[in-house]
Amino acid sequence: MPLNARQIAVSISVICFFAISFIGWFSDLTPFTSCKRAIAGALLAYLAAACAVKAVNAILTNAMITKHLNKQKEQRSAGTD
């Protein structure tokens, strides 16, 4: 069963947004600068997380297909013996 890429990516980007916001706040940046950096960081985190989850889904799907094909091949070879 593939993972939900959008839900995971949104969760990670929200966490990154608040983390970067707090870092900017404690670094005595202006609120506007902190907000711009947090939004940019959240956007990059969203894109990175979405790509990572899609890659994991592709790897898992490929592994499941390979396992199923190997199982069918074993059943055919066991049936002809």
Foldseek 3Di string as FASTA:
>chain_A
DADDQQVQLQVQLVVQLVVQLVVCVVVPHDNVVSNVVSVVRSVVSSVVSSVVSVVVRVVVVVVVVVVVVVVVVVVVVVVVD
